[in-house]
Structure formats: structure tokens, C-alpha cells
Protein backbone atom coordinates (compact mmCIF):
# COMPACT_ATOMS: atom_id res chain seq x y z
CA MET A 1 9.86 18.84 -4.97
CA PRO A 2 10.50 20.02 -1.28
CA VAL A 3 7.64 20.26 1.00
CA ARG A 4 7.29 23.31 2.75
CA ALA A 5 3.85 22.46 4.46
CA THR A 6 3.68 22.73 8.34
CA GLN A 7 2.94 19.15 9.74
CA TYR A 8 1.83 17.67 13.04
CA GLU A 9 1.34 14.07 14.52
CA GLY A 10 -1.02 12.43 16.97
CA HIS A 11 -2.68 9.11 17.97
CA ALA A 12 -5.96 7.82 17.11
CA PRO A 13 -7.62 5.87 20.08
CA TYR A 14 -8.47 2.41 18.53
CA LEU A 15 -10.18 -0.78 20.13
CA GLY A 16 -7.95 0.42 23.23
CA HIS A 17 -4.74 0.88 21.07
CA GLN A 18 -3.29 3.63 19.64
CA THR A 19 -2.70 4.69 15.75
CA TRP A 20 -0.55 7.27 14.82
CA TYR A 21 -0.42 9.59 12.15
CA ARG A 22 1.18 12.51 10.81
CA VAL A 23 -0.83 15.42 8.90
CA THR A 24 1.26 17.21 6.51
CA GLY A 25 -1.10 20.40 5.28
CA ASP A 26 -4.03 22.01 6.00
CA LEU A 27 -6.93 19.71 6.47
CA HIS A 28 -8.91 22.87 5.74
CA SER A 29 -7.39 24.22 2.83
CA GLY A 30 -10.10 23.35 0.12
CA LYS A 31 -8.62 21.05 -1.05
CA VAL A 32 -9.38 17.52 -0.60
CA PRO A 33 -7.21 15.68 1.68
CA LEU A 34 -5.42 12.54 0.77
CA VAL A 35 -5.30 9.60 2.81
CA VAL A 36 -2.22 7.19 2.44
CA ALA A 37 -2.37 3.84 3.19
CA HIS A 38 0.94 1.92 3.47
CA GLY A 39 1.17 -1.58 2.35
CA GLY A 40 2.54 -5.20 3.77
CA PRO A 41 0.74 -6.10 5.55
CA GLY A 42 2.72 -5.20 8.38
CA CYS A 43 5.40 -2.35 7.00
CA THR A 44 4.91 1.33 8.15
CA HIS A 45 4.35 4.89 6.39
CA ASP A 46 7.89 5.45 6.01
CA TYR A 47 8.66 4.40 2.49
CA LEU A 48 5.59 6.49 1.14
CA GLU A 49 6.66 9.67 2.64
CA ALA A 50 7.16 10.83 -0.95
CA PHE A 51 3.55 11.31 -1.00
CA SER A 52 4.07 14.30 0.92
CA ASP A 53 4.90 16.59 -1.91
CA LEU A 54 1.48 16.33 -2.77
CA ALA A 55 0.84 19.08 -0.04
CA ALA A 56 2.96 21.31 -1.70
CA ASP A 57 -0.02 22.93 -3.36
CA GLY A 58 -2.23 22.77 -0.37
CA ARG A 59 -3.75 19.80 -0.44
CA ALA A 60 -3.38 17.76 2.97
CA VAL A 61 -2.06 14.37 3.11
CA ILE A 62 -2.60 11.98 5.80
CA HIS A 63 0.14 9.31 6.62
CA TYR A 64 -0.33 6.56 9.08
CA ASP A 65 0.80 3.51 11.13
CA GLN A 66 -1.66 0.77 11.02
CA LEU A 67 -1.91 -1.19 14.04
CA GLY A 68 1.00 -3.09 15.06
CA ASN A 69 3.58 -1.25 13.23
CA GLY A 70 5.77 1.89 13.03
CA ARG A 71 4.81 4.44 16.10
CA SER A 72 1.37 2.81 16.36
CA THR A 73 0.67 0.13 19.28
CA HIS A 74 2.57 -3.15 18.42
CA LEU A 75 0.67 -6.30 19.51
CA ARG A 76 3.49 -8.88 19.23
CA ASP A 77 1.48 -11.76 20.99
CA ALA A 78 -2.03 -11.05 19.67
CA ALA A 79 -4.03 -14.54 18.48
CA PRO A 80 -3.21 -14.72 14.18
CA GLU A 81 -7.16 -14.40 14.35
CA PHE A 82 -6.78 -11.03 15.53
CA TRP A 83 -5.41 -9.75 12.49
CA THR A 84 -8.06 -9.35 10.04
CA VAL A 85 -9.05 -7.22 7.34
CA SER A 86 -11.96 -5.97 9.18
CA LEU A 87 -9.56 -4.86 11.82
CA PHE A 88 -7.42 -2.48 9.74
CA LEU A 89 -10.45 -1.05 7.95
CA GLY A 90 -12.08 -0.35 11.27
CA GLU A 91 -9.01 1.26 11.55
CA MET A 92 -9.08 3.32 8.65
CA GLU A 93 -12.53 4.54 9.23
CA ASN A 94 -11.86 5.17 12.81
CA LEU A 95 -8.98 7.38 11.46
CA VAL A 96 -11.06 9.56 8.92
CA ARG A 97 -13.54 10.22 11.74
CA HIS A 98 -10.99 10.95 14.18
CA LEU A 99 -9.71 14.04 11.98
CA GLY A 100 -13.03 14.97 11.22
CA ILE A 101 -12.91 14.61 7.58
CA GLU A 102 -15.24 11.85 7.14
CA GLY A 103 -17.49 14.54 5.06
CA ARG A 104 -15.11 14.35 2.07
CA TYR A 105 -11.70 12.60 1.80
CA ASN A 106 -9.31 11.02 -0.96
CA LEU A 107 -8.06 7.56 -0.38
CA LEU A 108 -3.99 6.12 -1.66
CA GLY A 109 -3.30 2.81 -1.21
CA GLN A 110 -0.10 1.26 -2.42
CA SER A 111 0.42 -2.61 -2.36
CA TRP A 112 -1.63 -3.98 0.64
CA GLY A 113 -2.63 -0.67 1.18
CA GLY A 114 -4.56 -0.49 -2.05
CA MET A 115 -6.23 -3.66 -1.28
CA LEU A 116 -7.71 -2.37 2.05
CA ALA A 117 -8.24 1.14 0.04
CA ALA A 118 -10.68 -1.37 -2.34
CA GLU A 119 -12.07 -3.00 0.27
CA HIS A 120 -13.12 0.27 1.95
CA ALA A 121 -14.22 1.77 -1.83
CA VAL A 122 -16.47 -1.23 -2.22
CA LEU A 123 -18.93 -0.14 0.83
CA ARG A 124 -19.43 2.95 -1.04
CA PRO A 125 -19.12 5.30 1.82
CA PRO A 126 -20.65 8.37 1.33
CA GLY A 127 -17.26 10.73 2.09
CA LEU A 128 -15.07 8.92 -0.42
CA ASN A 129 -14.04 11.59 -3.02
CA ALA A 130 -11.70 9.31 -5.27
CA LEU A 131 -9.26 6.76 -4.94
CA VAL A 132 -5.73 5.58 -6.06
CA ILE A 133 -4.33 2.42 -6.14
CA ALA A 134 -0.67 1.89 -6.63
CA SER A 135 0.40 -1.55 -7.14
CA SER A 136 -2.00 -3.74 -5.69
CA PRO A 137 -3.08 -7.08 -6.20
CA SER A 138 -6.73 -7.53 -7.00
CA SER A 139 -6.42 -11.37 -6.21
CA PHE A 140 -4.01 -13.03 -4.00
CA PRO A 141 -3.82 -16.32 -6.07
CA LEU A 142 -3.48 -14.59 -8.87
CA TRP A 143 -0.55 -12.79 -7.11
CA VAL A 144 1.22 -15.87 -6.09
CA SER A 145 0.46 -17.33 -9.34
CA GLU A 146 2.32 -14.41 -11.16
CA ALA A 147 5.10 -14.22 -8.47
CA GLN A 148 5.94 -17.99 -9.28
CA ARG A 149 6.28 -17.11 -12.98
CA LEU A 150 8.52 -14.45 -11.87
CA ARG A 151 10.56 -16.47 -9.71
CA ALA A 152 11.06 -18.81 -12.70
CA ASP A 153 12.97 -16.21 -14.52
CA LEU A 154 15.48 -15.77 -11.80
CA PRO A 155 19.05 -17.23 -12.12
CA ALA A 156 18.66 -21.48 -11.09
CA ASP A 157 21.34 -20.94 -8.18
CA VAL A 158 18.79 -18.56 -6.80
CA ARG A 159 15.82 -20.03 -7.11
CA GLU A 160 17.47 -23.85 -5.85
CA ALA A 161 18.22 -21.54 -2.88
CA LEU A 162 14.27 -20.35 -2.49
CA ASP A 163 13.50 -23.90 -2.82
CA ARG A 164 15.67 -25.26 -0.32
CA HIS A 165 15.34 -23.52 2.47
CA GLU A 166 11.41 -22.86 2.01
CA ALA A 167 10.94 -26.26 2.29
CA SER A 168 13.08 -26.21 5.62
CA GLY A 169 11.47 -23.18 6.82
CA ASP A 170 15.24 -21.94 7.35
CA TYR A 171 13.71 -18.23 6.34
CA ALA A 172 16.47 -16.59 8.14
CA HIS A 173 18.97 -18.30 6.44
CA PRO A 174 22.14 -16.01 4.97
CA GLU A 175 21.72 -17.74 1.27
CA TYR A 176 17.62 -17.66 1.52
CA LEU A 177 18.13 -13.75 2.46
CA ALA A 178 20.41 -13.23 -0.54
CA ALA A 179 17.99 -14.84 -2.95
CA THR A 180 15.30 -12.73 -1.80
CA GLU A 181 16.80 -9.90 -2.26
CA VAL A 182 18.07 -10.90 -5.86
CA PHE A 183 13.91 -10.98 -6.70
CA TYR A 184 13.29 -7.69 -4.30
CA ARG A 185 16.15 -6.32 -6.77
CA ARG A 186 14.02 -7.02 -10.01
CA HIS A 187 10.39 -6.38 -8.86
CA VAL A 188 10.32 -4.16 -5.40
CA CYS A 189 12.54 -1.72 -6.23
CA ARG A 190 15.47 -1.48 -8.79
CA LEU A 191 17.21 1.96 -7.67
CA PRO A 192 20.83 0.94 -6.61
CA VAL A 193 20.67 2.63 -4.06
CA TRP A 194 17.27 2.17 -1.86
CA PRO A 195 16.04 5.48 -0.43
CA ASP A 196 16.82 5.88 3.74
CA GLU A 197 12.57 5.70 3.97
CA VAL A 198 12.41 2.36 2.43
CA GLN A 199 14.97 1.34 4.45
CA ARG A 200 13.67 2.41 7.41
CA THR A 201 10.43 0.31 6.31
CA PHE A 202 12.31 -2.62 6.08
CA ALA A 203 14.26 -2.73 9.01
CA ALA A 204 11.14 -1.76 11.20
CA LEU A 205 9.38 -4.79 9.47
CA GLU A 206 12.19 -7.38 10.53
CA ASP A 207 12.02 -5.48 14.25
CA ASP A 208 8.26 -6.71 14.31
CA PRO A 209 6.86 -8.87 11.55
CA THR A 210 4.05 -10.45 13.43
CA VAL A 211 1.28 -8.97 11.35
CA TYR A 212 3.38 -9.86 8.17
CA ARG A 213 4.09 -13.25 8.51
CA THR A 214 0.23 -13.72 10.09
CA MET A 215 -1.36 -12.18 7.23
CA ASN A 216 1.17 -12.56 4.06
CA GLY A 217 4.08 -15.11 4.73
CA PRO A 218 7.90 -14.96 5.14
CA THR A 219 8.31 -12.98 1.95
CA GLU A 220 6.71 -11.26 -0.75
CA PHE A 221 6.35 -14.32 -3.22
CA HIS A 222 6.17 -17.07 -0.36
CA VAL A 223 2.49 -16.32 0.42
CA ILE A 224 1.15 -18.58 3.42
CA GLY A 225 -0.46 -16.52 5.11
CA THR A 226 -4.09 -15.81 6.11
CA LEU A 227 -4.75 -13.22 3.07
CA ARG A 228 -3.44 -16.30 0.56
CA GLU A 229 -7.14 -17.11 -0.48
CA TRP A 230 -8.11 -12.83 -0.71
CA ASN A 231 -10.08 -11.79 -3.71
CA ILE A 232 -11.95 -8.63 -4.59
CA GLN A 233 -12.44 -9.04 -8.37
CA SER A 234 -15.83 -9.94 -8.23
CA ARG A 235 -16.85 -6.64 -5.89
CA LEU A 236 -15.25 -4.30 -7.87
CA SER A 237 -18.12 -3.18 -9.83
CA ALA A 238 -19.62 -1.73 -6.30
CA VAL A 239 -16.85 1.11 -6.58
CA ASN A 240 -18.70 4.50 -7.17
CA VAL A 241 -15.79 6.63 -7.15
CA PRO A 242 -13.20 8.30 -9.61
CA THR A 243 -10.52 5.82 -9.65
CA LEU A 244 -6.51 6.05 -10.85
CA VAL A 245 -4.58 2.72 -11.16
CA ILE A 246 -0.87 2.97 -10.96
CA SER A 247 1.60 -0.03 -11.47
CA GLY A 248 5.46 -0.48 -12.61
CA ARG A 249 6.45 -1.96 -15.35
CA HIS A 250 8.90 -4.59 -13.43
CA ASP A 251 6.47 -4.64 -10.95
CA GLU A 252 5.79 -7.86 -8.57
CA ALA A 253 2.27 -6.63 -8.97
CA THR A 254 2.03 -7.77 -12.81
CA PRO A 255 -0.48 -5.84 -15.02
CA ALA A 256 -2.36 -9.31 -14.77
CA CYS A 257 -2.93 -8.77 -11.12
CA VAL A 258 -4.03 -5.14 -11.37
CA ALA A 259 -5.81 -5.57 -14.59
CA ALA A 260 -9.20 -6.68 -12.24
CA TYR A 261 -9.37 -2.87 -11.11
CA VAL A 262 -9.27 -1.32 -14.30
CA GLU A 263 -11.75 -3.65 -16.04
CA HIS A 264 -14.28 -3.57 -13.17
CA ILE A 265 -14.57 -0.01 -12.01
CA GLN A 266 -15.97 2.19 -13.94
CA GLY A 267 -14.16 4.86 -15.40
CA ALA A 268 -10.62 3.56 -13.77
CA ARG A 269 -7.90 4.94 -15.42
CA TRP A 270 -4.45 2.84 -15.46
CA VAL A 271 -1.13 4.74 -15.75
CA LEU A 272 2.36 2.27 -16.15
CA MET A 273 5.26 3.29 -14.84
CA GLU A 274 7.93 2.33 -17.47
CA GLU A 275 11.27 2.69 -15.25
CA SER A 276 9.55 1.32 -12.05
CA ALA A 277 8.95 -1.90 -10.43
CA HIS A 278 6.85 -1.92 -7.14
CA MET A 279 7.73 1.47 -5.93
CA CYS A 280 6.93 4.02 -8.40
CA HIS A 281 6.87 6.50 -5.97
CA VAL A 282 10.43 6.27 -5.69
CA GLU A 283 11.42 4.67 -8.56
CA GLU A 284 9.49 8.01 -10.80
CA ARG A 285 8.98 10.08 -8.28
CA GLU A 286 8.16 13.51 -10.04
CA LYS A 287 6.27 11.48 -12.37
CA THR A 288 3.94 9.51 -9.86
CA MET A 289 3.54 12.58 -7.97
CA ARG A 290 2.21 14.71 -11.33
CA GLU A 291 0.17 11.52 -12.21
CA THR A 292 -1.62 11.81 -9.07
CA ALA A 293 -2.05 15.52 -8.31
CA SER A 294 -3.40 15.72 -11.74
CA PHE A 295 -6.31 13.13 -11.00
CA LEU A 296 -6.82 14.26 -7.63
CA ALA A 297 -7.37 18.24 -9.29
CA LEU A 298 -9.81 17.15 -11.16
CA HIS A 299 -11.74 15.96 -8.00
CA ASP A 300 -11.37 19.33 -5.65
CA ALA A 301 -14.52 20.59 -6.73
CA PRO A 302 -18.02 19.63 -5.37
CA SER A 303 -19.26 17.91 -8.56
CA GLY A 304 -16.49 15.63 -8.08
CA GLY A 305 -17.92 13.51 -5.38
CA THR A 306 -19.04 10.09 -5.32
CA ALA A 307 -20.67 9.02 -8.61
């Protein structure tokens, strides 16, 4: 559906740097605003622009680029230890305060953004109203294990190319890049032509891979970064807000990856998108928006706050 809501952009100062954001719609419409956290770590908001559709019925939708990415301050020379979960949690909290919505807001995170959203939710911030976790692992060791299982189903020549160039560390080799794309076309986005906003995010990631390479690694399935041992499963029972979990049938965030969110967050509901991989919001856009809008609408009334 086309977005007719007004939009404006700004920057929130954070630790001497700037976090870029865009608000679509009216923050004071009476519907609880939605903050959208992008993946990576190291991607940009662009590939999640579809969620602006949710502003068509009056709900404000806030996109932002996390520090080091997109239109926010880039820090290519920052030491690896600068890039932490705590850094990005603080940035999210700072943005919510900057916008003046800390009293009541919804949070949607996709992939790494969902991991970050879960980290935020387990702290039980008083203003968090509802949570949407889209295609996010609950454990990176499990994510890696599942990625290896999916990788084992790739054609033999593709697997051999991946193994050969990972052993040499030549991640820029055309043969490695081509093999990587085979995996991405199966488990990241299955559309024959990727939308412009998705291509913009991948172009931005290629231009500045600082955060992604530091925290994740060279690819989605070769995780050697600082997040490789991250696991939130044992803390999820602390989440005390209504939660919707979304993932794709062909997702690299497999059912095993997302199961803990459903099992350990009381009352969490899971929607599996049958025709999607890792980007349900573009692969099955209308259904994803419908499910998300319906869920958020259930919790707009004052009684829909924290449990």
C-alpha cells in the first residue's frame, strides 16, 4: 500500500556522534509509535522501508541507521572493542528519549535488529509496549550450526568454492562472491529481482563493512566476529510485553533459530511465512504488514502496555 503519511528526518546526538532517523507519520496520533531496528550488524534502514506501510493508518514508524552505518556517523578506524551490543542498546534508548516517546513505544527488530530488540526487552524498560522479532536467531552458535546445515545442501562445486576461499581468507574472490550469492538467493531473499531498497543496503554494506566484519564476519554463514558466542535464550523469560515472532519457511533464521523466542516469552505468537526466506517484509510484503498491523492494533489501548 502507498504511504501517504508525512515524513521528516533528523539526527540524534549520541556519544559525540550522530544517529540519523526518519519519522513517517505523526508521533502523537494516538497510536503507539513503532521503532524499526535494522539487521547486520552493519546494514542500513533501507531494506526495511516496507514497514513504512504501517503508517498508512496513522501509526508513526521510525527508521534509523545504527552508528557506523548509512546516514549516521561512520567510524571506520574504531577499535573492534568499540562495537558492542551495549553500544547499540544505548543508541536505541537514546533515540527513543530524543524523540520523546520513552513513555510508550513499540519495537520491531529484523535479524540482528531483533537480537537487539530482545536485549532491550529483557531489561523490561517501562515504556516498551509490544515487541516484533522478525527472522532473528536467539543464539549465534545455533545460527552457525543451522547455516552449516543449510550450506551442506548447496551444490558440491558451490560448497567447494566456499571452503577453498574461506581457508585462504580470500573473501573478495569472484568465485567466493558467486558462491555466496547462491546461498543468499536461497535463504536471504528469494525474489528473482531484489528491490532497490534491498540493493541499496547491500551496496552500503559493501562500501563500509566495518561493523559487519567486526561483529559478524565476512558472510551470513561464516561467522567469526565478536558476536559468535552471543546467546539470549536463558534470559528471554524476562520479556514481559506482547510479542510477535515472524520468520520465513526458507529463512536462514530457521525454525530452530527462532524457537526459543516462542518457547520462552510468555504468550508469544509465531507466524511462519511460507513463501519467504530472510526478508518476509519484501517477499510477502502484504501478509507481513497485515500480520504486524493487526498485532500492533491489539495493543494500542492503554491496557495493552507491559504485563
